[in-house]
């Protein structure tokens, strides 16, 4: 029968280049998995990451809390009310609706980034390397000259719904008010974007804030947060809601499913087909050649089965770690064993040199790029 060793040198070089390219591509896929699914500072997703992303529940599983009958009186607001005092505040929910939601809603310029609810906003409160205080903070404090993903300061001025209707004199008179609105929203974000004042539409402004500059329609009084109550949004958020927020949408999962199955069906069939023409025992070829493709199908199946109600679904999410490992290790075995089986003594010597060079480059990349990236993510996560 025809084997890889029987191929002419040009054909061997093409097959070798293909296998090496697939291996390098898979390493980059690992990088994408890190940015898409892993929590900050972890090279790959943890069990908690996988369960949150695919099942939308926290891990380890715990009893789901009963909904509060009065969501406006919870957390910071409830504790602050006990102080029995009120200070100058801003109607933060109304402010966001006036300056942000009209654009970040259906039919608006930024309808693909909705801001209509706290859950919508919470996606842009997460701290990252690019946005140490959250994406919303970045755009609220960006350059007033720009209008892009790094700055939406103009939403309070030139890009506001009513700016074109104002005369030059009115614009000049309202500029301090608009700036006060922006600073009030920044203050809420810097306080951890607490949910309770948002829902109550009454956020206590910090000392020294120019309350008189705010438009009367946005002024209110609010109970100051208790000293121990203010914290980052992610600390105040319920674990179940946070996990649900991280869960992949059906739309995203559908897109990822068809892309993975169509693309990897071709790639894994090709690597398996190449391995099938090695000279290893038939039982080894019969097991390893189709293994990666079968494991990939099982992996994708677990993505969808993970959406079953707890406790069943989360265990399918955990199984993704096993199926993914089988895909990765199986692919590595197919590539290395196929290359090794293809050449004689001289060719094997060249492969050893290539493998050592590749290992050295990966080590250098880890030291110079990967580890600093992970450390930066951990620093941001630590606050």
Protein backbone atom coordinates (compact mmCIF):
# COMPACT_ATOMS: atom_id res chain seq x y z
CA UNK A 1 0.00 0.00 0.00
CA UNK A 2 0.99 3.61 -0.48
CA UNK A 3 2.57 5.23 2.60
CA UNK A 4 3.89 8.69 3.43
CA UNK A 5 7.44 7.42 3.03
CA UNK A 6 6.67 6.60 -0.64
CA UNK A 7 5.75 10.19 -1.54
CA UNK A 8 8.18 12.21 -3.67
CA UNK A 9 10.12 14.95 -1.87
CA UNK A 10 7.97 17.84 -3.24
CA UNK A 11 4.80 16.13 -2.00
CA UNK A 12 6.39 15.46 1.40
CA UNK A 13 7.32 19.13 1.71
CA UNK A 14 3.76 20.21 0.92
CA UNK A 15 2.30 17.77 3.47
CA UNK A 16 4.89 18.82 6.06
CA UNK A 17 4.18 22.52 5.53
CA UNK A 18 0.45 21.84 5.86
CA UNK A 19 0.83 19.90 9.13
CA UNK A 20 3.13 22.50 10.66
CA UNK A 21 0.77 25.32 9.60
CA UNK A 22 -2.19 23.54 11.22
CA UNK A 23 -0.18 23.12 14.42
CA UNK A 24 0.75 26.81 14.54
CA UNK A 25 -2.85 27.77 13.77
CA UNK A 26 -4.07 25.63 16.65
CA UNK A 27 -1.69 27.44 19.04
CA UNK A 28 -3.25 30.74 17.95
CA UNK A 29 -6.66 29.19 18.56
CA UNK A 30 -5.52 28.66 22.16
CA UNK A 31 -4.78 32.38 22.36
CA UNK A 32 -8.30 33.14 21.13
CA UNK A 33 -9.76 30.78 23.72
CA UNK A 34 -7.88 32.71 26.40
CA UNK A 35 -9.31 36.08 25.36
CA UNK A 36 -12.80 34.72 24.67
CA UNK A 37 -13.42 32.39 27.59
CA UNK A 38 -10.71 32.59 30.28
CA UNK A 39 -11.00 34.88 33.28
CA UNK A 40 -8.31 37.53 33.70
CA UNK A 41 -4.88 36.18 34.56
CA UNK A 42 -5.59 32.57 33.60
CA UNK A 43 -3.93 31.19 30.45
CA UNK A 44 -6.92 28.92 29.72
CA UNK A 45 -10.50 28.75 31.01
CA UNK A 46 -11.03 27.31 34.48
CA UNK A 47 -13.93 25.01 35.35
CA UNK A 48 -15.82 28.05 36.64
CA UNK A 49 -15.17 29.89 33.36
CA UNK A 50 -16.48 27.00 31.25
CA UNK A 51 -19.63 26.55 33.34
CA UNK A 52 -20.37 30.28 33.28
CA UNK A 53 -19.75 30.64 29.53
CA UNK A 54 -21.73 27.61 28.40
CA UNK A 55 -24.24 26.97 31.21
CA UNK A 56 -24.70 30.49 32.60
CA UNK A 57 -24.52 29.39 36.24
CA UNK A 58 -21.81 29.70 38.92
CA UNK A 59 -19.47 26.83 39.73
CA UNK A 60 -19.40 25.14 42.21
CA UNK A 61 -23.17 25.07 42.09
CA UNK A 62 -25.01 26.76 44.94
CA UNK A 63 -28.63 27.48 45.71
CA UNK A 64 -30.09 30.18 43.52
CA UNK A 65 -31.20 33.13 45.69
CA UNK A 66 -34.85 34.11 45.76
CA UNK A 67 -35.60 37.40 43.96
CA UNK A 68 -35.95 40.44 46.20
CA UNK A 69 -39.61 41.61 46.27
CA UNK A 70 -38.42 45.23 46.28
CA UNK A 71 -35.28 45.53 44.14
CA UNK A 72 -35.07 49.26 44.75
CA UNK A 73 -34.40 48.67 48.44
CA UNK A 74 -31.43 46.36 48.44
CA UNK A 75 -27.71 46.45 48.93
CA UNK A 76 -26.24 49.94 49.21
CA UNK A 77 -29.60 51.72 49.29
CA UNK A 78 -30.99 49.60 52.13
CA UNK A 79 -27.87 50.08 54.23
CA UNK A 80 -27.65 53.77 53.47
CA UNK A 81 -31.30 54.37 54.35
CA UNK A 82 -30.48 53.20 57.85
CA UNK A 83 -28.26 56.26 58.25
CA UNK A 84 -31.35 58.45 58.02
CA UNK A 85 -29.66 61.22 56.02
CA UNK A 86 -29.81 62.46 52.46
CA UNK A 87 -27.36 64.42 50.34
CA UNK A 88 -27.34 65.96 46.89
CA UNK A 89 -27.82 63.33 44.25
CA UNK A 90 -28.35 62.77 40.56
CA UNK A 91 -31.03 60.79 38.73
CA UNK A 92 -28.43 58.52 37.21
CA UNK A 93 -30.86 56.27 35.36
CA UNK A 94 -32.61 59.26 33.79
CA UNK A 95 -29.23 60.76 32.91
CA UNK A 96 -28.15 57.62 31.06
CA UNK A 97 -31.49 57.46 29.29
CA UNK A 98 -31.22 61.08 28.17
CA UNK A 99 -27.62 61.10 26.99
CA UNK A 100 -26.91 57.47 26.09
CA UNK A 101 -29.95 55.26 25.55
CA UNK A 102 -31.44 57.29 22.68
CA UNK A 103 -28.33 56.41 20.64
CA UNK A 104 -27.69 52.98 22.21
CA UNK A 105 -31.10 51.51 21.46
CA UNK A 106 -33.04 50.15 18.50
CA UNK A 107 -32.83 52.56 15.60
CA UNK A 108 -29.98 54.53 17.17
CA UNK A 109 -26.49 55.05 15.80
CA UNK A 110 -25.09 52.50 18.29
CA UNK A 111 -28.04 50.11 18.45
CA UNK A 112 -25.67 47.11 18.45
CA UNK A 113 -24.47 48.25 21.92
CA UNK A 114 -27.69 48.62 23.98
CA UNK A 115 -27.63 50.63 27.22
CA UNK A 116 -31.28 50.22 28.17
CA UNK A 117 -30.82 48.19 31.36
CA UNK A 118 -28.25 47.76 34.10
CA UNK A 119 -27.41 44.32 32.73
CA UNK A 120 -26.62 45.95 29.37
CA UNK A 121 -24.36 48.49 31.06
CA UNK A 122 -22.63 45.91 33.25
CA UNK A 123 -20.90 44.42 30.20
CA UNK A 124 -18.98 47.69 29.85
CA UNK A 125 -18.09 48.01 33.53
CA UNK A 126 -15.71 45.04 33.53
CA UNK A 127 -12.08 45.98 34.10
CA UNK A 128 -9.63 44.88 31.42
CA UNK A 129 -6.06 45.65 30.43
CA UNK A 130 -7.25 48.15 27.81
CA UNK A 131 -9.88 49.60 30.15
CA UNK A 132 -8.54 49.52 33.76
CA UNK A 133 -11.72 51.12 35.13
CA UNK A 134 -14.08 49.59 32.60
CA UNK A 135 -14.92 50.49 29.01
CA UNK A 136 -17.69 52.89 30.09
CA UNK A 137 -15.24 54.88 32.20
CA UNK A 138 -12.81 55.03 29.27
CA UNK A 139 -15.34 56.52 26.86
CA UNK A 140 -16.69 58.95 29.47
CA UNK A 141 -13.23 60.35 30.16
CA UNK A 142 -11.85 60.25 26.62
CA UNK A 143 -10.82 63.17 24.46
CA UNK A 144 -13.72 65.57 23.77
CA UNK A 145 -12.34 65.99 20.24
CA UNK A 146 -12.94 62.36 19.27
CA UNK A 147 -16.05 60.31 18.61
CA UNK A 148 -15.12 56.64 18.62
CA UNK A 149 -14.91 53.54 20.81
CA UNK A 150 -12.50 55.39 23.13
CA UNK A 151 -14.55 58.53 23.63
CA UNK A 152 -18.23 59.39 23.70
CA UNK A 153 -17.84 62.69 25.53
CA UNK A 154 -19.56 64.35 22.59
CA UNK A 155 -22.75 62.49 23.57
CA UNK A 156 -23.21 65.26 26.13
CA UNK A 157 -22.52 68.01 23.63
CA UNK A 158 -22.43 67.93 19.81
CA UNK A 159 -23.86 64.41 19.54
CA UNK A 160 -26.72 64.94 22.00
CA UNK A 161 -30.26 64.76 20.64
CA UNK A 162 -31.10 68.44 21.13
CA UNK A 163 -27.76 70.17 20.46
CA UNK A 164 -28.61 71.16 16.89
CA UNK A 165 -31.74 72.94 18.12
CA UNK A 166 -29.79 75.22 20.47
CA UNK A 167 -28.55 78.65 19.51
CA UNK A 168 -24.85 79.49 20.01
CA UNK A 169 -25.74 81.45 23.16
CA UNK A 170 -27.80 78.57 24.55
CA UNK A 171 -24.99 76.11 23.83
CA UNK A 172 -22.55 78.31 25.73
CA UNK A 173 -24.95 78.58 28.66
CA UNK A 174 -25.60 74.83 28.77
CA UNK A 175 -21.98 73.73 28.45
CA UNK A 176 -21.35 73.76 32.25
CA UNK A 177 -24.57 71.77 32.76
CA UNK A 178 -23.59 69.15 30.19
CA UNK A 179 -20.13 68.86 31.75
CA UNK A 180 -21.75 68.39 35.17
CA UNK A 181 -23.88 65.60 33.71
CA UNK A 182 -20.78 63.85 32.38
CA UNK A 183 -18.93 64.21 35.68
CA UNK A 184 -21.93 62.89 37.60
CA UNK A 185 -21.98 59.77 35.45
CA UNK A 186 -18.21 59.38 35.87
CA UNK A 187 -18.67 59.63 39.65
CA UNK A 188 -21.23 56.82 39.57
CA UNK A 189 -18.89 54.59 37.54
CA UNK A 190 -15.92 55.37 39.79
CA UNK A 191 -18.04 54.45 42.83
CA UNK A 192 -18.34 50.95 41.39
CA UNK A 193 -21.50 51.64 39.35
CA UNK A 194 -23.73 50.38 42.20
CA UNK A 195 -26.94 48.85 40.95
CA UNK A 196 -29.31 49.92 43.74
CA UNK A 197 -28.92 53.70 43.20
CA UNK A 198 -29.31 53.08 39.46
CA UNK A 199 -32.60 51.24 39.95
CA UNK A 200 -33.76 53.83 42.50
CA UNK A 201 -32.64 56.60 40.11
CA UNK A 202 -30.88 58.39 42.95
CA UNK A 203 -27.10 58.32 43.28
CA UNK A 204 -25.45 60.33 46.06
CA UNK A 205 -22.87 62.67 44.55
CA UNK A 206 -19.41 62.93 46.13
CA UNK A 207 -18.37 65.84 48.33
CA UNK A 208 -17.33 68.91 46.37
CA UNK A 209 -19.46 68.14 43.34
CA UNK A 210 -20.95 71.27 41.75
CA UNK A 211 -24.55 70.26 42.31
CA UNK A 212 -25.84 73.66 41.18
CA UNK A 213 -24.51 73.02 37.66
CA UNK A 214 -26.78 70.02 37.13
CA UNK A 215 -30.05 70.63 35.27
CA UNK A 216 -32.97 70.77 37.71
CA UNK A 217 -34.60 67.78 36.02
CA UNK A 218 -31.69 65.57 37.03
CA UNK A 219 -31.33 66.82 40.61
CA UNK A 220 -32.52 64.73 43.53
CA UNK A 221 -31.53 63.74 47.04
CA UNK A 222 -30.11 60.37 47.92
CA UNK A 223 -28.94 58.43 50.93
CA UNK A 224 -25.14 58.27 50.94
CA UNK A 225 -23.74 54.80 50.64
CA UNK A 226 -22.78 53.21 53.93
CA UNK A 227 -18.99 53.17 54.43
CA UNK A 228 -18.78 49.42 53.93
CA UNK A 229 -21.31 49.28 51.13
CA UNK A 230 -19.48 50.82 48.20
CA UNK A 231 -17.53 48.31 46.10
CA UNK A 232 -16.82 47.28 42.56
CA UNK A 233 -19.87 46.27 40.55
CA UNK A 234 -18.61 42.74 40.19
CA UNK A 235 -18.38 42.36 44.00
CA UNK A 236 -21.92 43.60 44.52
CA UNK A 237 -23.39 41.57 41.65
CA UNK A 238 -25.08 38.31 42.39
CA UNK A 239 -23.00 35.29 41.32
CA UNK A 240 -25.89 33.88 39.32
CA UNK A 241 -26.44 37.13 37.44
CA UNK A 242 -22.73 37.47 36.74
CA UNK A 243 -22.53 33.92 35.38
CA UNK A 244 -25.65 34.51 33.27
CA UNK A 245 -24.11 37.70 31.91
CA UNK A 246 -21.03 35.76 30.77
CA UNK A 247 -23.03 33.01 29.07
CA UNK A 248 -22.72 32.81 25.30
CA UNK A 249 -25.90 33.84 23.51
CA UNK A 250 -27.70 31.37 21.27
CA UNK A 251 -26.78 33.57 18.30
CA UNK A 252 -23.05 33.53 19.16
CA UNK A 253 -23.12 29.81 19.88
CA UNK A 254 -24.83 29.08 16.57
CA UNK A 255 -22.25 31.11 14.67
CA UNK A 256 -19.37 29.41 16.48
CA UNK A 257 -20.89 25.95 15.94
CA UNK A 258 -21.19 26.22 12.18
CA UNK A 259 -17.74 27.82 11.87
CA UNK A 260 -16.07 25.12 13.95
CA UNK A 261 -17.80 22.16 12.36
CA UNK A 262 -17.35 23.29 8.77
CA UNK A 263 -13.73 24.41 9.21
CA UNK A 264 -12.47 21.68 11.50
CA UNK A 265 -14.28 18.94 9.60
CA UNK A 266 -11.94 19.72 6.70
CA UNK A 267 -8.78 20.26 8.76
CA UNK A 268 -9.15 17.27 11.09
CA UNK A 269 -10.20 15.02 8.22
CA UNK A 270 -7.03 16.07 6.36
CA UNK A 271 -4.69 15.50 9.32
CA UNK A 272 -6.40 12.19 10.07
CA UNK A 273 -6.22 11.14 6.43
CA UNK A 274 -2.50 11.92 6.35
CA UNK A 275 -1.90 9.90 9.54
CA UNK A 276 -3.82 6.97 8.03
CA UNK A 277 -1.02 6.62 5.45
CA UNK A 278 1.72 6.13 8.04
CA UNK A 279 3.30 2.73 8.71
CA UNK A 280 2.17 2.43 12.33
CA UNK A 281 0.11 -0.66 13.31
CA UNK A 282 -3.41 -0.71 11.88
CA UNK A 283 -4.98 -0.55 15.33
CA UNK A 284 -3.07 2.67 16.10
CA UNK A 285 -4.02 4.23 12.77
CA UNK A 286 -7.62 3.08 13.15
CA UNK A 287 -7.93 4.74 16.55
CA UNK A 288 -5.95 7.95 16.12
CA UNK A 289 -6.87 8.88 12.52
CA UNK A 290 -10.57 9.67 13.22
CA UNK A 291 -10.15 10.52 16.93
CA UNK A 292 -9.69 14.29 16.60
CA UNK A 293 -12.70 14.75 14.33
CA UNK A 294 -14.94 12.61 16.54
CA UNK A 295 -13.77 14.46 19.67
CA UNK A 296 -14.46 17.82 17.99
CA UNK A 297 -18.05 16.81 17.23
CA UNK A 298 -18.47 15.66 20.84
CA UNK A 299 -16.98 18.95 22.03
CA UNK A 300 -19.49 21.02 20.05
CA UNK A 301 -22.34 18.78 21.22
CA UNK A 302 -21.34 19.53 24.82
CA UNK A 303 -21.61 23.27 24.10
CA UNK A 304 -25.33 22.87 23.51
CA UNK A 305 -25.99 20.19 26.12
CA UNK A 306 -24.39 22.50 28.69
CA UNK A 307 -27.45 24.75 28.33
CA UNK A 308 -29.63 22.12 30.03
CA UNK A 309 -30.95 23.13 33.44
CA UNK A 310 -28.67 22.51 36.45
CA UNK A 311 -27.34 20.20 37.68
CA UNK A 312 -27.19 18.34 34.33
CA UNK A 313 -25.98 21.15 32.05
CA UNK A 314 -22.90 22.20 34.04
CA UNK A 315 -21.47 18.68 33.85
CA UNK A 316 -21.56 18.85 30.06
CA UNK A 317 -19.74 22.19 30.36
CA UNK A 318 -17.07 20.44 32.44
CA UNK A 319 -16.84 17.72 29.79
CA UNK A 320 -15.71 20.40 27.32
CA UNK A 321 -12.38 20.46 29.15
CA UNK A 322 -11.93 16.73 28.44
CA UNK A 323 -13.08 16.81 24.81
CA UNK A 324 -10.94 19.87 24.15
CA UNK A 325 -7.90 18.14 25.63
CA UNK A 326 -8.51 15.09 23.43
CA UNK A 327 -8.69 17.31 20.35
CA UNK A 328 -5.47 19.13 21.24
CA UNK A 329 -3.43 16.08 22.25
CA UNK A 330 -4.80 14.00 19.38
CA UNK A 331 -3.92 16.69 16.86
CA UNK A 332 -0.41 17.02 18.29
CA UNK A 333 0.04 13.25 18.01
CA UNK A 334 -1.20 13.19 14.42
CA UNK A 335 1.15 16.00 13.38
CA UNK A 336 4.29 14.81 15.17
CA UNK A 337 3.87 11.11 14.36
CA UNK A 338 3.00 11.78 10.71
CA UNK A 339 6.03 14.02 10.22
CA UNK A 340 8.30 11.54 12.00
CA UNK A 341 7.03 8.62 9.92
CA UNK A 342 7.40 10.46 6.64
CA UNK A 343 11.19 10.82 6.57
CA UNK A 344 14.36 8.79 6.93
CA UNK A 345 17.31 9.47 9.22
CA UNK A 346 18.33 12.78 7.62
CA UNK A 347 14.78 14.05 7.52
CA UNK A 348 14.26 13.11 11.18
CA UNK A 349 17.37 15.11 12.10
CA UNK A 350 15.91 18.17 10.38
CA UNK A 351 12.63 17.63 12.25
CA UNK A 352 14.45 17.48 15.59
CA UNK A 353 16.12 20.81 14.81
CA UNK A 354 12.76 22.33 13.81
CA UNK A 355 11.05 21.02 16.95
CA UNK A 356 13.82 22.41 19.19
CA UNK A 357 13.70 25.77 17.40
CA UNK A 358 9.92 25.85 17.75
CA UNK A 359 10.13 25.04 21.46
CA UNK A 360 12.69 27.79 21.93
CA UNK A 361 10.56 30.35 20.10
CA UNK A 362 7.52 29.38 22.13
CA UNK A 363 9.50 29.72 25.36
CA UNK A 364 10.72 33.16 24.32
CA UNK A 365 7.18 34.19 23.36
CA UNK A 366 5.89 32.99 26.72
CA UNK A 367 8.51 34.97 28.65
CA UNK A 368 8.30 38.16 26.58
CA UNK A 369 4.61 38.27 25.61
CA UNK A 370 2.33 35.75 27.30
CA UNK A 371 3.48 36.02 30.92
CA UNK A 372 3.56 39.87 30.90
CA UNK A 373 0.03 39.84 29.45
CA UNK A 374 -1.18 37.51 32.21
CA UNK A 375 0.51 39.63 34.88
CA UNK A 376 -1.10 42.77 33.50
CA UNK A 377 -4.51 41.09 33.58
CA UNK A 378 -3.96 39.99 37.19
CA UNK A 379 -2.94 43.51 38.17
CA UNK A 380 -6.09 44.97 36.61
CA UNK A 381 -8.23 42.32 38.28
CA UNK A 382 -6.67 43.14 41.65
CA UNK A 383 -7.72 46.75 41.15
